[in-house]
């Protein structure tokens, strides 16, 4: 019985590739304008989003743990 895992993986890879293209274009623009703050924010967002796309279970668990440490929850 099909579970849709292959479809989900294909969509995630496609989304990841689109994300990489957008990130590169925005980073080149920020670098060209010498807007270093925007470049750093783009880079940090790229790390977070790439983690969510390519290793989502591990990143989500890490974010939950980090939030628990910050908020003092369980």
C-alpha atoms as a PDB file:
ATOM      1  CA  UNK A   1       0.000   0.000   0.000  1.00  0.00           C
ATOM      2  CA  UNK A   2       1.536   3.369  -0.991  1.00  0.00           C
ATOM      3  CA  UNK A   3       2.346   5.647   1.911  1.00  0.00           C
ATOM      4  CA  UNK A   4       3.364   8.776   0.002  1.00  0.00           C
ATOM      5  CA  UNK A   5       6.868   8.856   1.477  1.00  0.00           C
ATOM      6  CA  UNK A   6       8.464   9.040  -1.968  1.00  0.00           C
ATOM      7  CA  UNK A   7       6.184  11.919  -2.956  1.00  0.00           C
ATOM      8  CA  UNK A   8       6.964  13.755   0.282  1.00  0.00           C
ATOM      9  CA  UNK A   9      10.703  13.318  -0.262  1.00  0.00           C
ATOM     10  CA  UNK A  10      10.427  14.559  -3.859  1.00  0.00           C
ATOM     11  CA  UNK A  11       8.495  17.653  -2.743  1.00  0.00           C
ATOM     12  CA  UNK A  12      11.055  18.373  -0.023  1.00  0.00           C
ATOM     13  CA  UNK A  13      13.944  18.078  -2.486  1.00  0.00           C
ATOM     14  CA  UNK A  14      12.153  20.381  -4.939  1.00  0.00           C
ATOM     15  CA  UNK A  15      11.435  22.902  -2.175  1.00  0.00           C
ATOM     16  CA  UNK A  16      15.055  22.696  -1.050  1.00  0.00           C
ATOM     17  CA  UNK A  17      16.352  23.404  -4.532  1.00  0.00           C
ATOM     18  CA  UNK A  18      14.007  26.369  -4.959  1.00  0.00           C
ATOM     19  CA  UNK A  19      15.126  27.651  -1.568  1.00  0.00           C
ATOM     20  CA  UNK A  20      18.794  27.385  -2.560  1.00  0.00           C
ATOM     21  CA  UNK A  21      18.180  29.406  -5.728  1.00  0.00           C
ATOM     22  CA  UNK A  22      16.310  32.135  -3.818  1.00  0.00           C
ATOM     23  CA  UNK A  23      18.989  32.250  -1.119  1.00  0.00           C
ATOM     24  CA  UNK A  24      21.823  32.597  -3.626  1.00  0.00           C
ATOM     25  CA  UNK A  25      20.079  35.412  -5.525  1.00  0.00           C
ATOM     26  CA  UNK A  26      19.250  37.329  -2.310  1.00  0.00           C
ATOM     27  CA  UNK A  27      22.761  36.825  -0.925  1.00  0.00           C
ATOM     28  CA  UNK A  28      24.440  38.074  -4.095  1.00  0.00           C
ATOM     29  CA  UNK A  29      22.186  41.134  -4.034  1.00  0.00           C
ATOM     30  CA  UNK A  30      22.959  41.858  -0.373  1.00  0.00           C
ATOM     31  CA  UNK A  31      26.676  41.359  -0.960  1.00  0.00           C
ATOM     32  CA  UNK A  32      26.596  43.656  -3.986  1.00  0.00           C
ATOM     33  CA  UNK A  33      24.864  46.383  -1.953  1.00  0.00           C
ATOM     34  CA  UNK A  34      27.273  45.756   0.949  1.00  0.00           C
ATOM     35  CA  UNK A  35      24.380  45.155   3.339  1.00  0.00           C
ATOM     36  CA  UNK A  36      26.182  42.862   5.731  1.00  0.00           C
ATOM     37  CA  UNK A  37      23.350  42.602   8.243  1.00  0.00           C
ATOM     38  CA  UNK A  38      20.938  41.341   5.583  1.00  0.00           C
ATOM     39  CA  UNK A  39      23.573  38.902   4.342  1.00  0.00           C
ATOM     40  CA  UNK A  40      24.057  37.457   7.850  1.00  0.00           C
ATOM     41  CA  UNK A  41      20.293  37.184   8.424  1.00  0.00           C
ATOM     42  CA  UNK A  42      19.880  35.447   5.047  1.00  0.00           C
ATOM     43  CA  UNK A  43      22.649  33.018   5.962  1.00  0.00           C
ATOM     44  CA  UNK A  44      21.132  32.183   9.371  1.00  0.00           C
ATOM     45  CA  UNK A  45      17.683  31.748   7.826  1.00  0.00           C
ATOM     46  CA  UNK A  46      19.236  29.503   5.173  1.00  0.00           C
ATOM     47  CA  UNK A  47      20.752  27.263   7.829  1.00  0.00           C
ATOM     48  CA  UNK A  48      17.435  26.950   9.668  1.00  0.00           C
ATOM     49  CA  UNK A  49      15.333  26.326   6.566  1.00  0.00           C
ATOM     50  CA  UNK A  50      17.849  23.900   5.044  1.00  0.00           C
ATOM     51  CA  UNK A  51      17.825  21.959   8.296  1.00  0.00           C
ATOM     52  CA  UNK A  52      14.030  21.858   8.303  1.00  0.00           C
ATOM     53  CA  UNK A  53      13.974  20.639   4.693  1.00  0.00           C
ATOM     54  CA  UNK A  54      16.818  18.119   4.668  1.00  0.00           C
ATOM     55  CA  UNK A  55      16.859  16.872   8.294  1.00  0.00           C
ATOM     56  CA  UNK A  56      13.508  17.962   9.614  1.00  0.00           C
ATOM     57  CA  UNK A  57      12.995  15.429  12.427  1.00  0.00           C
ATOM     58  CA  UNK A  58      16.358  16.182  14.042  1.00  0.00           C
ATOM     59  CA  UNK A  59      16.000  19.959  13.659  1.00  0.00           C
ATOM     60  CA  UNK A  60      12.464  19.994  15.034  1.00  0.00           C
ATOM     61  CA  UNK A  61      13.576  17.973  18.068  1.00  0.00           C
ATOM     62  CA  UNK A  62      16.532  20.334  18.570  1.00  0.00           C
ATOM     63  CA  UNK A  63      14.227  23.386  18.383  1.00  0.00           C
ATOM     64  CA  UNK A  64      11.829  21.803  20.892  1.00  0.00           C
ATOM     65  CA  UNK A  65      14.715  21.134  23.272  1.00  0.00           C
ATOM     66  CA  UNK A  66      16.064  24.652  22.814  1.00  0.00           C
ATOM     67  CA  UNK A  67      12.622  26.141  23.429  1.00  0.00           C
ATOM     68  CA  UNK A  68      12.271  24.027  26.572  1.00  0.00           C
ATOM     69  CA  UNK A  69      15.566  25.417  27.864  1.00  0.00           C
ATOM     70  CA  UNK A  70      14.558  29.003  27.067  1.00  0.00           C
ATOM     71  CA  UNK A  71      10.956  28.834  28.291  1.00  0.00           C
ATOM     72  CA  UNK A  72      11.681  26.547  31.223  1.00  0.00           C
ATOM     73  CA  UNK A  73       9.119  23.995  30.077  1.00  0.00           C
ATOM     74  CA  UNK A  74       9.208  20.213  30.214  1.00  0.00           C
END
